N, C-alpha and C. Protein backbone atom coordinates (compact mmCIF):
# COMPACT_ATOMS: atom_id res chain seq x y z
N UNK A 1 0.84 -1.17 0.00
CA UNK A 1 0.00 0.00 0.00
C UNK A 1 0.89 1.23 0.00
N UNK A 2 0.62 2.17 -0.89
CA UNK A 2 1.42 3.38 -1.01
C UNK A 2 1.14 4.32 0.16
N UNK A 3 2.20 4.86 0.77
CA UNK A 3 2.03 5.81 1.88
C UNK A 3 1.73 5.14 3.21
N UNK A 4 1.95 3.86 3.31
CA UNK A 4 1.68 3.17 4.58
C UNK A 4 2.60 3.71 5.66
N UNK A 5 2.06 3.88 6.82
CA UNK A 5 2.87 4.40 7.92
C UNK A 5 3.12 3.30 8.94
N UNK A 6 4.21 3.44 9.64
CA UNK A 6 4.53 2.47 10.68
C UNK A 6 3.76 2.83 11.94
N UNK A 7 3.58 1.88 12.84
CA UNK A 7 2.86 2.17 14.08
C UNK A 7 3.59 3.26 14.88
N UNK A 8 2.84 4.09 15.60
CA UNK A 8 3.49 5.15 16.36
C UNK A 8 4.40 4.59 17.45
N UNK A 9 5.51 5.26 17.67
CA UNK A 9 6.45 4.88 18.72
C UNK A 9 5.81 5.25 20.06
N UNK A 10 5.84 4.35 21.00
CA UNK A 10 5.20 4.59 22.29
C UNK A 10 6.02 5.52 23.17
N UNK A 11 7.29 5.72 22.86
CA UNK A 11 8.15 6.58 23.67
C UNK A 11 8.32 7.92 22.97
N UNK A 12 8.32 8.97 23.76
CA UNK A 12 8.46 10.32 23.22
C UNK A 12 9.92 10.57 22.84
N UNK A 13 10.18 11.54 21.97
CA UNK A 13 11.55 11.87 21.59
C UNK A 13 12.38 12.34 22.78
N UNK A 14 13.71 12.27 22.60
CA UNK A 14 14.60 12.59 23.71
C UNK A 14 14.52 14.05 24.16
N UNK A 15 14.11 14.98 23.32
CA UNK A 15 14.10 16.38 23.70
C UNK A 15 12.86 16.76 24.53
N UNK A 16 12.03 15.81 24.83
CA UNK A 16 10.79 16.07 25.54
C UNK A 16 11.03 16.39 27.01
N UNK A 17 10.22 17.33 27.51
CA UNK A 17 10.20 17.62 28.94
C UNK A 17 8.79 17.36 29.44
N UNK A 18 8.68 16.59 30.50
CA UNK A 18 7.39 16.30 31.13
C UNK A 18 7.41 16.85 32.54
N UNK A 19 6.26 17.31 33.02
CA UNK A 19 6.13 17.76 34.39
C UNK A 19 5.09 16.91 35.09
N UNK A 20 5.45 16.44 36.29
CA UNK A 20 4.54 15.66 37.13
C UNK A 20 4.35 16.46 38.41
N UNK A 21 3.13 16.92 38.64
CA UNK A 21 2.83 17.66 39.87
C UNK A 21 2.19 16.69 40.86
N UNK A 22 3.01 16.20 41.79
CA UNK A 22 2.56 15.23 42.77
C UNK A 22 2.41 15.85 44.15
N UNK A 23 2.35 17.18 44.20
CA UNK A 23 2.15 17.85 45.49
C UNK A 23 0.78 17.48 46.04
N UNK A 24 0.74 17.25 47.34
CA UNK A 24 -0.50 16.88 47.98
C UNK A 24 -0.81 15.40 47.95
N UNK A 25 0.02 14.62 47.26
CA UNK A 25 -0.19 13.18 47.17
C UNK A 25 0.74 12.46 48.14
N UNK A 26 0.25 11.39 48.72
CA UNK A 26 1.10 10.63 49.63
C UNK A 26 1.65 9.41 48.92
N UNK A 27 2.73 8.86 49.46
CA UNK A 27 3.37 7.70 48.87
C UNK A 27 2.39 6.54 48.87
N UNK A 28 2.42 5.74 47.83
CA UNK A 28 3.40 5.68 46.75
C UNK A 28 3.01 6.46 45.49
N UNK A 29 1.95 7.26 45.55
CA UNK A 29 1.46 7.93 44.35
C UNK A 29 2.52 8.77 43.62
N UNK A 30 3.32 9.61 44.29
CA UNK A 30 4.32 10.37 43.55
C UNK A 30 5.32 9.48 42.79
N UNK A 31 5.70 8.38 43.40
CA UNK A 31 6.65 7.46 42.75
C UNK A 31 5.99 6.78 41.55
N UNK A 32 4.74 6.40 41.69
CA UNK A 32 4.04 5.75 40.58
C UNK A 32 3.88 6.71 39.41
N UNK A 33 3.55 7.97 39.67
CA UNK A 33 3.40 8.96 38.60
C UNK A 33 4.75 9.25 37.94
N UNK A 34 5.80 9.34 38.76
CA UNK A 34 7.14 9.58 38.21
C UNK A 34 7.56 8.40 37.35
N UNK A 35 7.31 7.19 37.80
CA UNK A 35 7.67 5.99 37.03
C UNK A 35 6.97 5.99 35.67
N UNK A 36 5.68 6.33 35.66
CA UNK A 36 4.94 6.39 34.39
C UNK A 36 5.58 7.39 33.43
N UNK A 37 5.95 8.56 33.95
CA UNK A 37 6.57 9.59 33.10
C UNK A 37 7.92 9.12 32.57
N UNK A 38 8.73 8.50 33.43
CA UNK A 38 10.04 8.02 33.00
C UNK A 38 9.91 6.93 31.94
N UNK A 39 8.93 6.06 32.10
CA UNK A 39 8.74 4.96 31.16
C UNK A 39 8.27 5.46 29.79
N UNK A 40 7.68 6.64 29.73
CA UNK A 40 7.19 7.19 28.47
C UNK A 40 8.30 7.85 27.66
N UNK A 41 9.45 8.08 28.28
CA UNK A 41 10.54 8.78 27.61
C UNK A 41 11.76 7.89 27.46
N UNK A 42 12.46 8.02 26.34
CA UNK A 42 13.75 7.34 26.17
C UNK A 42 14.84 8.17 26.85
N UNK A 43 14.61 9.45 26.93
CA UNK A 43 15.54 10.38 27.54
C UNK A 43 14.89 11.75 27.54
N UNK A 44 15.60 12.71 28.06
CA UNK A 44 15.04 14.06 28.14
C UNK A 44 15.00 14.52 29.58
N UNK A 45 13.93 15.20 29.93
CA UNK A 45 13.80 15.77 31.27
C UNK A 45 12.41 15.51 31.82
N UNK A 46 12.37 15.07 33.06
CA UNK A 46 11.11 14.94 33.79
C UNK A 46 11.24 15.80 35.04
N UNK A 47 10.34 16.74 35.19
CA UNK A 47 10.30 17.58 36.39
C UNK A 47 9.20 17.02 37.29
N UNK A 48 9.55 16.72 38.54
CA UNK A 48 8.59 16.18 39.49
C UNK A 48 8.49 17.14 40.66
N UNK A 49 7.28 17.55 40.99
CA UNK A 49 7.04 18.45 42.12
C UNK A 49 6.39 17.64 43.24
N UNK A 50 7.02 17.66 44.41
CA UNK A 50 6.49 16.95 45.58
C UNK A 50 6.60 17.87 46.79
N UNK A 51 5.81 17.56 47.82
CA UNK A 51 5.87 18.39 49.02
C UNK A 51 6.12 17.57 50.30
N UNK A 52 6.55 16.34 50.09
CA UNK A 52 6.88 15.46 51.22
C UNK A 52 8.30 14.95 51.01
N UNK A 53 9.12 15.06 52.04
CA UNK A 53 10.53 14.66 51.91
C UNK A 53 10.67 13.17 51.58
N UNK A 54 9.82 12.34 52.15
CA UNK A 54 9.87 10.91 51.86
C UNK A 54 9.61 10.65 50.38
N UNK A 55 8.65 11.37 49.80
CA UNK A 55 8.37 11.22 48.37
C UNK A 55 9.57 11.67 47.55
N UNK A 56 10.21 12.75 47.97
CA UNK A 56 11.40 13.25 47.27
C UNK A 56 12.49 12.17 47.27
N UNK A 57 12.75 11.60 48.44
CA UNK A 57 13.77 10.55 48.54
C UNK A 57 13.43 9.35 47.66
N UNK A 58 12.17 8.96 47.66
CA UNK A 58 11.75 7.78 46.89
C UNK A 58 11.85 8.02 45.38
N UNK A 59 11.48 9.21 44.92
CA UNK A 59 11.58 9.51 43.49
C UNK A 59 13.04 9.58 43.05
N UNK A 60 13.90 10.17 43.89
CA UNK A 60 15.33 10.22 43.57
C UNK A 60 15.89 8.80 43.47
N UNK A 61 15.52 7.94 44.40
CA UNK A 61 15.99 6.55 44.39
C UNK A 61 15.50 5.84 43.12
N UNK A 62 14.23 6.04 42.75
CA UNK A 62 13.69 5.46 41.52
C UNK A 62 14.49 5.92 40.31
N UNK A 63 14.75 7.21 40.23
CA UNK A 63 15.49 7.76 39.09
C UNK A 63 16.87 7.11 38.99
N UNK A 64 17.57 7.06 40.09
CA UNK A 64 18.93 6.51 40.07
C UNK A 64 18.93 5.03 39.71
N UNK A 65 17.92 4.29 40.17
CA UNK A 65 17.85 2.86 39.89
C UNK A 65 17.52 2.58 38.42
N UNK A 66 16.94 3.57 37.74
CA UNK A 66 16.53 3.36 36.35
C UNK A 66 17.40 4.14 35.36
N UNK A 67 18.56 4.62 35.82
CA UNK A 67 19.51 5.24 34.92
C UNK A 67 19.30 6.72 34.64
N UNK A 68 18.54 7.40 35.47
CA UNK A 68 18.31 8.83 35.33
C UNK A 68 19.12 9.58 36.38
N UNK A 69 19.53 10.81 36.06
CA UNK A 69 20.20 11.68 37.04
C UNK A 69 19.13 12.54 37.70
N UNK A 70 19.31 12.81 38.98
CA UNK A 70 18.32 13.61 39.72
C UNK A 70 18.99 14.81 40.36
N UNK A 71 18.40 15.97 40.14
CA UNK A 71 18.82 17.20 40.82
C UNK A 71 17.63 17.66 41.66
N UNK A 72 17.91 18.05 42.89
CA UNK A 72 16.84 18.42 43.82
C UNK A 72 16.98 19.89 44.20
N UNK A 73 15.87 20.58 44.15
CA UNK A 73 15.81 21.98 44.57
C UNK A 73 14.71 22.11 45.61
N UNK A 74 15.07 22.59 46.81
CA UNK A 74 14.02 22.83 47.80
C UNK A 74 13.51 24.25 47.59
N UNK A 75 12.22 24.39 47.49
CA UNK A 75 11.59 25.67 47.23
C UNK A 75 11.28 26.40 48.53
N UNK A 76 11.08 27.71 48.46
CA UNK A 76 10.79 28.50 49.67
C UNK A 76 9.56 28.02 50.44
N UNK A 77 8.59 27.43 49.75
CA UNK A 77 7.38 26.95 50.43
C UNK A 77 7.57 25.58 51.08
N UNK A 78 8.80 25.02 51.00
CA UNK A 78 9.09 23.73 51.61
C UNK A 78 8.90 22.55 50.67
N UNK A 79 8.35 22.79 49.48
CA UNK A 79 8.20 21.70 48.53
C UNK A 79 9.51 21.47 47.81
N UNK A 80 9.55 20.43 46.99
CA UNK A 80 10.77 20.07 46.28
C UNK A 80 10.48 20.00 44.78
N UNK A 81 11.44 20.47 44.00
CA UNK A 81 11.42 20.35 42.53
C UNK A 81 12.55 19.41 42.17
N UNK A 82 12.18 18.28 41.59
CA UNK A 82 13.16 17.28 41.17
C UNK A 82 13.27 17.35 39.65
N UNK A 83 14.48 17.47 39.17
CA UNK A 83 14.71 17.48 37.73
C UNK A 83 15.47 16.21 37.39
N UNK A 84 14.80 15.31 36.69
CA UNK A 84 15.35 14.02 36.32
C UNK A 84 15.75 14.07 34.85
N UNK A 85 17.00 13.74 34.55
CA UNK A 85 17.47 13.82 33.18
C UNK A 85 18.19 12.55 32.76
N UNK A 86 18.11 12.29 31.44
CA UNK A 86 18.87 11.17 30.86
C UNK A 86 19.07 11.50 29.40
């Protein structure tokens, strides 16, 4: 068939940035949302916003275990901005 297209790639391109706002959610929800975002990308940046230190620690651990780098910024309101890159 002329012009046939291949099935869409399930993973987004590497230049993609995703944001996950998990503020107000308790564990394990922030980790589950972060995992979903990481699994959708081959690389790029995932920004995760959390407001519980335990969630921050768990998301950082998830990132490191799956080959992503994590940078943590504590915000003036006490929440955390995690920037996960690969």
